[in-house]
C-alpha atoms as a PDB file:
ATOM      1  CA  MET A   1     -13.576  -7.502 -16.071  1.00  0.00           C
ATOM      2  CA  ARG A   2     -13.123  -7.704 -19.725  1.00  0.00           C
ATOM      3  CA  PRO A   3     -15.846  -9.430 -21.894  1.00  0.00           C
ATOM      4  CA  ARG A   4     -15.467 -13.027 -22.899  1.00  0.00           C
ATOM      5  CA  THR A   5     -13.298 -13.899 -25.901  1.00  0.00           C
ATOM      6  CA  PRO A   6     -15.606 -14.872 -28.672  1.00  0.00           C
ATOM      7  CA  GLY A   7     -15.163 -18.460 -30.095  1.00  0.00           C
ATOM      8  CA  ALA A   8     -13.823 -19.943 -26.832  1.00  0.00           C
ATOM      9  CA  ARG A   9     -17.179 -21.563 -25.191  1.00  0.00           C
ATOM     10  CA  SER A  10     -16.034 -25.076 -25.781  1.00  0.00           C
ATOM     11  CA  LEU A  11     -12.688 -24.390 -23.848  1.00  0.00           C
ATOM     12  CA  ARG A  12     -14.426 -22.336 -21.118  1.00  0.00           C
ATOM     13  CA  VAL A  13     -16.726 -25.411 -20.375  1.00  0.00           C
ATOM     14  CA  LEU A  14     -13.780 -27.741 -20.019  1.00  0.00           C
ATOM     15  CA  GLU A  15     -11.810 -25.221 -17.860  1.00  0.00           C
ATOM     16  CA  ALA A  16     -14.752 -24.592 -15.681  1.00  0.00           C
ATOM     17  CA  ALA A  17     -15.715 -28.106 -15.249  1.00  0.00           C
ATOM     18  CA  GLY A  18     -12.126 -29.110 -14.380  1.00  0.00           C
ATOM     19  CA  ARG A  19     -11.866 -26.217 -11.841  1.00  0.00           C
ATOM     20  CA  HIS A  20     -15.140 -26.845 -10.126  1.00  0.00           C
ATOM     21  CA  LEU A  21     -15.216 -30.608 -10.452  1.00  0.00           C
ATOM     22  CA  ASN A  22     -18.930 -30.180 -10.638  1.00  0.00           C
ATOM     23  CA  PHE A  23     -21.089 -29.821 -13.707  1.00  0.00           C
ATOM     24  CA  THR A  24     -23.747 -27.958 -11.742  1.00  0.00           C
ATOM     25  CA  ARG A  25     -21.426 -25.294 -10.605  1.00  0.00           C
ATOM     26  CA  ALA A  26     -19.637 -24.908 -13.929  1.00  0.00           C
ATOM     27  CA  GLY A  27     -23.106 -24.461 -15.555  1.00  0.00           C
ATOM     28  CA  VAL A  28     -24.097 -21.711 -13.052  1.00  0.00           C
ATOM     29  CA  GLU A  29     -20.842 -19.761 -13.927  1.00  0.00           C
ATOM     30  CA  LEU A  30     -21.269 -20.109 -17.509  1.00  0.00           C
ATOM     31  CA  ASN A  31     -25.040 -19.803 -17.614  1.00  0.00           C
ATOM     32  CA  LEU A  32     -25.428 -23.247 -18.993  1.00  0.00           C
ATOM     33  CA  THR A  33     -27.569 -26.206 -17.587  1.00  0.00           C
ATOM     34  CA  PRO A  34     -25.666 -29.195 -16.123  1.00  0.00           C
ATOM     35  CA  ALA A  35     -26.781 -31.399 -18.880  1.00  0.00           C
ATOM     36  CA  ALA A  36     -25.231 -28.940 -21.522  1.00  0.00           C
ATOM     37  CA  VAL A  37     -21.883 -29.002 -19.692  1.00  0.00           C
ATOM     38  CA  SER A  38     -21.905 -32.845 -19.520  1.00  0.00           C
ATOM     39  CA  HIS A  39     -22.803 -32.949 -23.228  1.00  0.00           C
ATOM     40  CA  GLN A  40     -19.933 -30.731 -24.222  1.00  0.00           C
ATOM     41  CA  ILE A  41     -17.364 -32.803 -22.065  1.00  0.00           C
ATOM     42  CA  LYS A  42     -18.720 -35.845 -23.687  1.00  0.00           C
ATOM     43  CA  GLU A  43     -18.037 -34.201 -27.124  1.00  0.00           C
ATOM     44  CA  TRP A  44     -14.369 -33.407 -25.890  1.00  0.00           C
ATOM     45  CA  GLU A  45     -13.867 -37.187 -24.890  1.00  0.00           C
ATOM     46  CA  ALA A  46     -15.433 -38.505 -28.098  1.00  0.00           C
ATOM     47  CA  GLN A  47     -13.254 -36.445 -30.255  1.00  0.00           C
ATOM     48  CA  LEU A  48     -10.013 -37.129 -28.307  1.00  0.00           C
ATOM     49  CA  GLY A  49     -10.707 -40.892 -27.792  1.00  0.00           C
ATOM     50  CA  PHE A  50      -9.919 -40.909 -24.012  1.00  0.00           C
ATOM     51  CA  ALA A  51     -11.631 -39.986 -20.810  1.00  0.00           C
ATOM     52  CA  LEU A  52     -11.097 -36.554 -19.214  1.00  0.00           C
ATOM     53  CA  PHE A  53     -13.097 -37.004 -15.993  1.00  0.00           C
ATOM     54  CA  ILE A  54     -13.766 -40.033 -13.561  1.00  0.00           C
ATOM     55  CA  ARG A  55     -17.374 -40.041 -12.633  1.00  0.00           C
ATOM     56  CA  ALA A  56     -18.084 -42.276  -9.502  1.00  0.00           C
ATOM     57  CA  ASN A  57     -20.528 -42.044  -6.672  1.00  0.00           C
ATOM     58  CA  ARG A  58     -21.810 -38.617  -7.592  1.00  0.00           C
ATOM     59  CA  SER A  59     -18.251 -37.379  -7.555  1.00  0.00           C
ATOM     60  CA  LEU A  60     -15.922 -36.031 -10.331  1.00  0.00           C
ATOM     61  CA  ARG A  61     -12.259 -35.898 -10.758  1.00  0.00           C
ATOM     62  CA  LEU A  62      -9.948 -35.392 -13.633  1.00  0.00           C
ATOM     63  CA  THR A  63      -8.009 -38.137 -15.001  1.00  0.00           C
ATOM     64  CA  THR A  64      -4.205 -37.678 -15.402  1.00  0.00           C
ATOM     65  CA  ALA A  65      -4.774 -36.749 -19.055  1.00  0.00           C
ATOM     66  CA  GLY A  66      -7.558 -34.529 -18.035  1.00  0.00           C
ATOM     67  CA  GLU A  67      -5.335 -32.694 -15.627  1.00  0.00           C
ATOM     68  CA  VAL A  68      -2.677 -32.113 -18.374  1.00  0.00           C
ATOM     69  CA  LEU A  69      -5.378 -30.933 -20.925  1.00  0.00           C
ATOM     70  CA  HIS A  70      -7.234 -28.714 -18.188  1.00  0.00           C
ATOM     71  CA  ARG A  71      -3.978 -27.066 -17.012  1.00  0.00           C
ATOM     72  CA  SER A  72      -3.084 -26.116 -20.669  1.00  0.00           C
ATOM     73  CA  THR A  73      -6.562 -24.919 -21.224  1.00  0.00           C
ATOM     74  CA  GLN A  74      -6.241 -22.554 -18.469  1.00  0.00           C
ATOM     75  CA  GLU A  75      -3.105 -21.141 -19.862  1.00  0.00           C
ATOM     76  CA  ALA A  76      -4.447 -20.947 -23.256  1.00  0.00           C
ATOM     77  CA  LEU A  77      -7.566 -19.076 -22.233  1.00  0.00           C
ATOM     78  CA  ALA A  78      -5.481 -16.770 -20.013  1.00  0.00           C
ATOM     79  CA  ASN A  79      -3.174 -15.851 -23.039  1.00  0.00           C
ATOM     80  CA  LEU A  80      -6.088 -15.521 -25.398  1.00  0.00           C
ATOM     81  CA  ASP A  81      -8.148 -13.172 -23.177  1.00  0.00           C
ATOM     82  CA  ASN A  82      -4.989 -11.027 -22.453  1.00  0.00           C
ATOM     83  CA  ALA A  83      -4.347 -10.786 -26.306  1.00  0.00           C
ATOM     84  CA  VAL A  84      -7.972  -9.834 -27.082  1.00  0.00           C
ATOM     85  CA  ALA A  85      -8.059  -7.392 -24.224  1.00  0.00           C
ATOM     86  CA  GLN A  86      -4.966  -5.691 -25.468  1.00  0.00           C
ATOM     87  CA  ALA A  87      -6.302  -5.820 -29.089  1.00  0.00           C
ATOM     88  CA  ARG A  88      -9.612  -4.075 -28.130  1.00  0.00           C
ATOM     89  CA  ARG A  89      -7.581  -1.171 -26.256  1.00  0.00           C
ATOM     90  CA  LEU A  90      -5.275  -0.789 -29.216  1.00  0.00           C
ATOM     91  CA  SER A  91      -8.289  -0.733 -31.572  1.00  0.00           C
ATOM     92  CA  GLY A  92      -9.894   2.018 -29.525  1.00  0.00           C
ATOM     93  CA  GLN A  93     -13.313   0.049 -29.577  1.00  0.00           C
ATOM     94  CA  GLU A  94     -14.039   0.556 -25.891  1.00  0.00           C
ATOM     95  CA  ARG A  95     -13.017   2.525 -22.830  1.00  0.00           C
ATOM     96  CA  THR A  96     -10.657   0.328 -20.572  1.00  0.00           C
ATOM     97  CA  ARG A  97     -12.180  -0.533 -17.278  1.00  0.00           C
ATOM     98  CA  LEU A  98     -10.454  -1.869 -14.118  1.00  0.00           C
ATOM     99  CA  ASN A  99     -12.553  -3.316 -11.220  1.00  0.00           C
ATOM    100  CA  VAL A 100     -10.823  -3.212  -8.000  1.00  0.00           C
ATOM    101  CA  SER A 101     -11.906  -4.680  -4.567  1.00  0.00           C
ATOM    102  CA  VAL A 102     -10.760  -2.756  -1.413  1.00  0.00           C
ATOM    103  CA  SER A 103     -11.735  -2.422   2.249  1.00  0.00           C
ATOM    104  CA  THR A 104     -13.150   0.752   3.509  1.00  0.00           C
ATOM    105  CA  SER A 105     -10.178   1.966   5.481  1.00  0.00           C
ATOM    106  CA  ILE A 106      -7.526   1.243   2.846  1.00  0.00           C
ATOM    107  CA  ALA A 107      -9.855   2.848   0.207  1.00  0.00           C
ATOM    108  CA  ALA A 108     -10.426   6.102   2.245  1.00  0.00           C
ATOM    109  CA  LYS A 109      -7.078   6.557   3.940  1.00  0.00           C
ATOM    110  CA  TRP A 110      -4.707   5.421   1.190  1.00  0.00           C
ATOM    111  CA  LEU A 111      -6.092   4.560  -2.239  1.00  0.00           C
ATOM    112  CA  VAL A 112      -8.540   7.208  -3.036  1.00  0.00           C
ATOM    113  CA  PRO A 113      -6.360  10.137  -2.342  1.00  0.00           C
ATOM    114  CA  ARG A 114      -3.833   8.711  -4.780  1.00  0.00           C
ATOM    115  CA  LEU A 115      -6.140   7.750  -7.628  1.00  0.00           C
ATOM    116  CA  ASP A 116      -5.770  11.002  -9.342  1.00  0.00           C
ATOM    117  CA  ARG A 117      -1.928  10.348  -9.994  1.00  0.00           C
ATOM    118  CA  PHE A 118      -2.793   7.029 -11.696  1.00  0.00           C
ATOM    119  CA  GLN A 119      -5.448   8.814 -13.808  1.00  0.00           C
ATOM    120  CA  GLN A 120      -2.843  11.200 -14.891  1.00  0.00           C
ATOM    121  CA  ILE A 121      -0.759   8.354 -16.087  1.00  0.00           C
ATOM    122  CA  GLU A 122      -3.552   6.321 -17.578  1.00  0.00           C
ATOM    123  CA  PRO A 123      -6.223   8.860 -18.442  1.00  0.00           C
ATOM    124  CA  ASN A 124      -8.261   6.433 -20.545  1.00  0.00           C
ATOM    125  CA  VAL A 125      -8.559   3.814 -17.766  1.00  0.00           C
ATOM    126  CA  GLU A 126     -11.633   3.767 -15.828  1.00  0.00           C
ATOM    127  CA  VAL A 127     -11.040   2.472 -12.187  1.00  0.00           C
ATOM    128  CA  ARG A 128     -14.157   1.241 -10.447  1.00  0.00           C
ATOM    129  CA  LEU A 129     -13.871   0.480  -6.698  1.00  0.00           C
ATOM    130  CA  ASN A 130     -15.795  -2.165  -4.992  1.00  0.00           C
ATOM    131  CA  VAL A 131     -15.555  -1.027  -1.443  1.00  0.00           C
ATOM    132  CA  THR A 132     -16.265  -3.730   1.085  1.00  0.00           C
ATOM    133  CA  CYS A 133     -14.717  -5.521   3.846  1.00  0.00           C
ATOM    134  CA  GLN A 134     -15.975  -8.830   2.683  1.00  0.00           C
ATOM    135  CA  ILE A 135     -13.800 -11.013   0.443  1.00  0.00           C
ATOM    136  CA  GLN A 136     -15.174 -10.976  -2.953  1.00  0.00           C
ATOM    137  CA  ASP A 137     -15.172 -13.620  -5.491  1.00  0.00           C
ATOM    138  CA  PHE A 138     -13.153 -12.512  -8.544  1.00  0.00           C
ATOM    139  CA  ARG A 139     -15.331 -14.130 -11.164  1.00  0.00           C
ATOM    140  CA  GLN A 140     -18.679 -13.970  -9.650  1.00  0.00           C
ATOM    141  CA  ASN A 141     -18.286 -10.178  -8.516  1.00  0.00           C
ATOM    142  CA  ASP A 142     -16.424  -9.194 -11.728  1.00  0.00           C
ATOM    143  CA  ILE A 143     -13.411  -8.305  -9.919  1.00  0.00           C
ATOM    144  CA  ASP A 144      -9.860  -7.799 -11.593  1.00  0.00           C
ATOM    145  CA  LEU A 145      -7.862  -7.017  -8.646  1.00  0.00           C
ATOM    146  CA  ALA A 146      -8.188  -6.657  -4.933  1.00  0.00           C
ATOM    147  CA  ILE A 147      -6.138  -5.108  -1.878  1.00  0.00           C
ATOM    148  CA  ARG A 148      -6.809  -7.489   0.896  1.00  0.00           C
ATOM    149  CA  PHE A 149      -6.091  -7.713   4.523  1.00  0.00           C
ATOM    150  CA  GLY A 150      -4.608 -10.683   6.363  1.00  0.00           C
ATOM    151  CA  PRO A 151      -2.930 -13.887   5.244  1.00  0.00           C
ATOM    152  CA  GLN A 152      -3.826 -14.755   1.749  1.00  0.00           C
ATOM    153  CA  ASP A 153      -5.009 -18.187   0.185  1.00  0.00           C
ATOM    154  CA  VAL A 154      -2.856 -20.015  -2.207  1.00  0.00           C
ATOM    155  CA  GLY A 155      -4.076 -20.047  -5.861  1.00  0.00           C
ATOM    156  CA  LEU A 156      -3.642 -16.239  -6.163  1.00  0.00           C
ATOM    157  CA  HIS A 157      -1.021 -13.917  -7.314  1.00  0.00           C
ATOM    158  CA  THR A 158       0.058 -11.899  -4.381  1.00  0.00           C
ATOM    159  CA  ASP A 159       2.305  -9.025  -3.715  1.00  0.00           C
ATOM    160  CA  ARG A 160       2.874  -7.618  -0.127  1.00  0.00           C
ATOM    161  CA  LEU A 161       1.698  -3.867  -0.084  1.00  0.00           C
ATOM    162  CA  PHE A 162       2.223  -3.074   3.486  1.00  0.00           C
ATOM    163  CA  ASP A 163       3.051  -4.695   6.757  1.00  0.00           C
ATOM    164  CA  HIS A 164       1.303  -3.343   9.958  1.00  0.00           C
ATOM    165  CA  VAL A 165       3.208  -0.945  12.106  1.00  0.00           C
ATOM    166  CA  ILE A 166       0.966   0.262  14.874  1.00  0.00           C
ATOM    167  CA  PHE A 167       1.568   3.253  17.252  1.00  0.00           C
ATOM    168  CA  PRO A 168      -0.483   5.903  19.036  1.00  0.00           C
ATOM    169  CA  VAL A 169      -1.614   9.183  17.072  1.00  0.00           C
ATOM    170  CA  CYS A 170      -3.507  12.184  18.168  1.00  0.00           C
ATOM    171  CA  SER A 171      -4.431  15.706  17.153  1.00  0.00           C
ATOM    172  CA  PRO A 172      -1.599  18.239  17.515  1.00  0.00           C
ATOM    173  CA  ARG A 173      -4.177  20.059  19.874  1.00  0.00           C
ATOM    174  CA  LEU A 174      -3.695  17.465  22.494  1.00  0.00           C
ATOM    175  CA  LEU A 175      -0.029  18.189  22.744  1.00  0.00           C
ATOM    176  CA  LYS A 176      -0.506  21.838  23.518  1.00  0.00           C
ATOM    177  CA  GLY A 177      -2.505  21.512  26.793  1.00  0.00           C
ATOM    178  CA  GLU A 178      -1.188  21.911  30.346  1.00  0.00           C
ATOM    179  CA  ARG A 179      -0.552  18.175  30.557  1.00  0.00           C
ATOM    180  CA  PRO A 180       2.366  17.286  28.273  1.00  0.00           C
ATOM    181  CA  MET A 181       2.714  13.531  26.853  1.00  0.00           C
ATOM    182  CA  VAL A 182       6.467  12.844  27.302  1.00  0.00           C
ATOM    183  CA  ASP A 183       6.218   9.271  28.722  1.00  0.00           C
ATOM    184  CA  PRO A 184       3.565   6.513  27.883  1.00  0.00           C
ATOM    185  CA  ARG A 185       2.626   6.793  31.747  1.00  0.00           C
ATOM    186  CA  ASP A 186       1.228  10.217  30.696  1.00  0.00           C
ATOM    187  CA  LEU A 187      -1.539   8.574  29.126  1.00  0.00           C
ATOM    188  CA  ARG A 188      -3.157   7.990  32.360  1.00  0.00           C
ATOM    189  CA  GLY A 189      -6.356   9.933  32.522  1.00  0.00           C
ATOM    190  CA  ARG A 190      -6.435  10.598  28.946  1.00  0.00           C
ATOM    191  CA  LYS A 191      -9.239   9.604  26.616  1.00  0.00           C
ATOM    192  CA  LEU A 192      -8.189   6.570  24.618  1.00  0.00           C
ATOM    193  CA  ILE A 193      -9.827   5.567  21.403  1.00  0.00           C
ATOM    194  CA  HIS A 194     -10.169   1.824  21.071  1.00  0.00           C
ATOM    195  CA  GLN A 195     -10.281  -0.244  17.760  1.00  0.00           C
ATOM    196  CA  SER A 196     -11.547  -3.791  18.196  1.00  0.00           C
ATOM    197  CA  TRP A 197     -11.378  -6.489  15.580  1.00  0.00           C
ATOM    198  CA  SER A 198     -10.928 -10.304  15.688  1.00  0.00           C
ATOM    199  CA  GLY A 199     -11.233 -12.992  12.970  1.00  0.00           C
ATOM    200  CA  ARG A 200      -9.302 -15.683  11.331  1.00  0.00           C
ATOM    201  CA  GLY A 201      -8.136 -16.893  14.691  1.00  0.00           C
ATOM    202  CA  VAL A 202      -6.397 -13.475  15.608  1.00  0.00           C
ATOM    203  CA  VAL A 203      -7.194 -10.363  17.816  1.00  0.00           C
ATOM    204  CA  TRP A 204      -6.027  -7.151  16.520  1.00  0.00           C
ATOM    205  CA  PRO A 205      -3.590  -5.418  18.872  1.00  0.00           C
ATOM    206  CA  ASP A 206      -4.928  -3.128  21.221  1.00  0.00           C
ATOM    207  CA  TRP A 207      -3.892  -0.550  23.844  1.00  0.00           C
ATOM    208  CA  ARG A 208      -3.176  -3.154  26.456  1.00  0.00           C
ATOM    209  CA  GLN A 209      -0.604  -4.790  24.104  1.00  0.00           C
ATOM    210  CA  TRP A 210       0.958  -1.406  23.256  1.00  0.00           C
ATOM    211  CA  LEU A 211       1.171  -0.443  26.806  1.00  0.00           C
ATOM    212  CA  GLN A 212       2.644  -3.846  27.866  1.00  0.00           C
ATOM    213  CA  ALA A 213       5.270  -3.340  25.000  1.00  0.00           C
ATOM    214  CA  ALA A 214       5.972   0.056  26.762  1.00  0.00           C
ATOM    215  CA  GLY A 215       6.608  -1.721  30.115  1.00  0.00           C
ATOM    216  CA  ILE A 216       3.309  -0.738  31.862  1.00  0.00           C
ATOM    217  CA  PHE A 217       1.204  -3.550  33.117  1.00  0.00           C
ATOM    218  CA  ASP A 218      -0.912  -1.706  35.833  1.00  0.00           C
ATOM    219  CA  PHE A 219      -2.795   0.885  33.521  1.00  0.00           C
ATOM    220  CA  HIS A 220      -6.385   1.718  34.414  1.00  0.00           C
ATOM    221  CA  PHE A 221      -8.560   2.226  31.394  1.00  0.00           C
ATOM    222  CA  GLU A 222     -11.097   5.155  31.593  1.00  0.00           C
ATOM    223  CA  PRO A 223     -14.365   4.923  29.456  1.00  0.00           C
ATOM    224  CA  GLY A 224     -13.637   5.674  25.921  1.00  0.00           C
ATOM    225  CA  LEU A 225     -14.741   5.488  22.365  1.00  0.00           C
ATOM    226  CA  HIS A 226     -14.764   2.050  20.710  1.00  0.00           C
ATOM    227  CA  TYR A 227     -14.632   1.247  16.860  1.00  0.00           C
ATOM    228  CA  THR A 228     -14.468  -1.588  14.744  1.00  0.00           C
ATOM    229  CA  ASP A 229     -13.348   0.299  11.636  1.00  0.00           C
ATOM    230  CA  THR A 230      -9.789   1.734  11.591  1.00  0.00           C
ATOM    231  CA  HIS A 231     -10.942   4.563   9.324  1.00  0.00           C
ATOM    232  CA  LEU A 232     -13.376   5.846  12.046  1.00  0.00           C
ATOM    233  CA  ALA A 233     -10.960   5.573  14.970  1.00  0.00           C
ATOM    234  CA  VAL A 234      -8.407   7.717  13.029  1.00  0.00           C
ATOM    235  CA  GLN A 235     -10.940  10.231  11.905  1.00  0.00           C
ATOM    236  CA  ALA A 236     -12.055  10.640  15.629  1.00  0.00           C
ATOM    237  CA  ALA A 237      -8.374  11.062  16.649  1.00  0.00           C
ATOM    238  CA  ILE A 238      -8.105  13.839  13.972  1.00  0.00           C
ATOM    239  CA  GLU A 239     -11.208  15.493  15.499  1.00  0.00           C
ATOM    240  CA  GLY A 240      -9.341  15.624  18.935  1.00  0.00           C
ATOM    241  CA  GLU A 241     -11.754  13.208  20.409  1.00  0.00           C
ATOM    242  CA  GLY A 242      -8.769  11.072  21.945  1.00  0.00           C
ATOM    243  CA  ILE A 243      -5.801   9.199  21.211  1.00  0.00           C
ATOM    244  CA  ALA A 244      -5.902   6.214  18.847  1.00  0.00           C
ATOM    245  CA  LEU A 245      -3.717   3.474  17.704  1.00  0.00           C
ATOM    246  CA  GLY A 246      -2.927   4.214  14.052  1.00  0.00           C
ATOM    247  CA  ASP A 247      -1.656   1.765  11.435  1.00  0.00           C
ATOM    248  CA  GLU A 248       1.190   3.233   9.540  1.00  0.00           C
ATOM    249  CA  ALA A 249      -0.016   2.980   5.962  1.00  0.00           C
ATOM    250  CA  LEU A 250      -3.475   4.427   7.080  1.00  0.00           C
ATOM    251  CA  VAL A 251      -2.157   7.442   9.012  1.00  0.00           C
ATOM    252  CA  ALA A 252       0.827   8.419   6.885  1.00  0.00           C
ATOM    253  CA  ASP A 253      -0.964  11.071   4.891  1.00  0.00           C
ATOM    254  CA  ASP A 254      -2.488  12.654   8.045  1.00  0.00           C
ATOM    255  CA  LEU A 255       0.850  12.630   9.695  1.00  0.00           C
ATOM    256  CA  ALA A 256       2.477  14.377   6.650  1.00  0.00           C
ATOM    257  CA  ALA A 257      -0.275  16.987   6.619  1.00  0.00           C
ATOM    258  CA  GLY A 258      -0.048  17.711  10.267  1.00  0.00           C
ATOM    259  CA  ARG A 259      -3.640  16.505  11.078  1.00  0.00           C
ATOM    260  CA  LEU A 260      -2.195  13.990  13.305  1.00  0.00           C
ATOM    261  CA  VAL A 261       1.198  13.453  15.478  1.00  0.00           C
ATOM    262  CA  ARG A 262       3.026  10.729  17.065  1.00  0.00           C
ATOM    263  CA  PRO A 263       3.506  11.548  20.611  1.00  0.00           C
ATOM    264  CA  PHE A 264       5.574   8.340  21.258  1.00  0.00           C
ATOM    265  CA  ASP A 265       8.179   6.658  18.921  1.00  0.00           C
ATOM    266  CA  LEU A 266       7.244   3.124  20.286  1.00  0.00           C
ATOM    267  CA  SER A 267       5.380   0.914  17.695  1.00  0.00           C
ATOM    268  CA  ILE A 268       4.250  -2.749  17.613  1.00  0.00           C
ATOM    269  CA  GLY A 269       3.402  -5.102  14.774  1.00  0.00           C
ATOM    270  CA  GLY A 270       0.170  -6.672  13.576  1.00  0.00           C
ATOM    271  CA  PRO A 271      -0.528 -10.469  13.948  1.00  0.00           C
ATOM    272  CA  PRO A 272       2.161 -12.655  12.278  1.00  0.00           C
ATOM    273  CA  ASN A 273       1.604 -13.144   8.552  1.00  0.00           C
ATOM    274  CA  PHE A 274      -1.142 -10.354   8.514  1.00  0.00           C
ATOM    275  CA  ALA A 275      -0.388  -7.562   6.081  1.00  0.00           C
ATOM    276  CA  TYR A 276      -2.083  -5.770   3.179  1.00  0.00           C
ATOM    277  CA  PHE A 277      -1.659  -7.603  -0.158  1.00  0.00           C
ATOM    278  CA  ILE A 278      -2.376  -6.994  -3.662  1.00  0.00           C
ATOM    279  CA  VAL A 279      -4.067 -10.159  -5.131  1.00  0.00           C
ATOM    280  CA  SER A 280      -5.527 -11.285  -8.425  1.00  0.00           C
ATOM    281  CA  PRO A 281      -6.355 -14.596 -10.094  1.00  0.00           C
ATOM    282  CA  LEU A 282      -3.114 -16.259 -11.526  1.00  0.00           C
ATOM    283  CA  GLU A 283      -4.715 -16.627 -15.047  1.00  0.00           C
ATOM    284  CA  THR A 284      -4.723 -12.769 -15.315  1.00  0.00           C
ATOM    285  CA  MET A 285      -1.442 -12.057 -13.931  1.00  0.00           C
ATOM    286  CA  ALA A 286       0.014 -11.295 -17.479  1.00  0.00           C
ATOM    287  CA  ASP A 287      -2.792  -8.805 -18.314  1.00  0.00           C
ATOM    288  CA  PRO A 288      -1.027  -5.454 -19.038  1.00  0.00           C
ATOM    289  CA  LEU A 289      -3.565  -3.260 -17.527  1.00  0.00           C
ATOM    290  CA  ILE A 290      -3.850  -5.393 -14.276  1.00  0.00           C
ATOM    291  CA  ARG A 291       0.214  -5.664 -14.315  1.00  0.00           C
ATOM    292  CA  GLY A 292       0.434  -1.973 -14.640  1.00  0.00           C
ATOM    293  CA  PHE A 293      -1.952  -1.077 -11.855  1.00  0.00           C
ATOM    294  CA  ARG A 294      -0.235  -3.534  -9.460  1.00  0.00           C
ATOM    295  CA  ALA A 295       3.112  -1.948 -10.300  1.00  0.00           C
ATOM    296  CA  TRP A 296       1.686   1.413  -9.796  1.00  0.00           C
ATOM    297  CA  LEU A 297       0.353   0.442  -6.470  1.00  0.00           C
ATOM    298  CA  LEU A 298       3.724  -0.941  -5.359  1.00  0.00           C
ATOM    299  CA  SER A 299       5.586   2.197  -6.331  1.00  0.00           C
ATOM    300  CA  GLU A 300       3.039   4.330  -4.407  1.00  0.00           C
ATOM    301  CA  ALA A 301       3.686   2.131  -1.356  1.00  0.00           C
ATOM    302  CA  ALA A 302       7.387   2.397  -1.800  1.00  0.00           C
ATOM    303  CA  THR A 303       7.394   6.255  -2.227  1.00  0.00           C
ATOM    304  CA  MET A 304       5.236   6.427   1.113  1.00  0.00           C
ATOM    305  CA  ARG A 305       7.892   4.562   2.967  1.00  0.00           C
ATOM    306  CA  LEU A 306      10.786   6.949   1.833  1.00  0.00           C
ATOM    307  CA  PRO A 307      12.024   9.410   4.759  1.00  0.00           C
END
């Protein structure tokens, strides 16, 4: 994330205090003591001649006037930071850096194989990947933009990158045996690769759900491999260890390269409202670098969906 804009400390104290509604947490973010934050807010109020915060019972909330000023402060800081970042890039004083948070599966199976194309467009941009399945705080973890799975919280700028389209995939070698797979019932006796995940009140679609969508309700499951990571389940299918349920976005390259095939056309969707989203803080949505990387991601996703 870009360095702090010089000369804006007083504005940042007001912005952080109004966002956290807690002088201690604002101080931790800004590396200041709670007393220093409180002193700065009192200076604001003394110079303006009216209160910005209501302090009562160890709680803090903005006054109506404080809400107006806080909102304008956020917009002003965002505009100032964007202008300073662009000026730094134009002056050539520093190499441009973009910190991106992304899950293991989407990084390995989709983003990393495409990053070279972005580097050809923007050779002076240094993309740093924070690869984790944990949701990262944009400010505390120095993240500019993230690709996240699931429904998204309000308060972030979001773009839908992929919906979930789930269907069986396997190595083409498995189709060349003596037992062809023509109908979903031909999966009986085959080794299935299972991917199990639950969270946020939902359970990820599994083989039982896909088979029921195919009209099969009496399937007997043989012992098989179980993974919690989609990337590992797909890799096991590539190695010929069984048949997995692949997510379209994560298997598209392997299907195009012939490492995987779809034995059946039937697909099912993921949980309602779940998808892969590009997310970033509202205050950075006008930043040219973040906006450009977001547009590139969306164009890559659109290209992948072409016939």
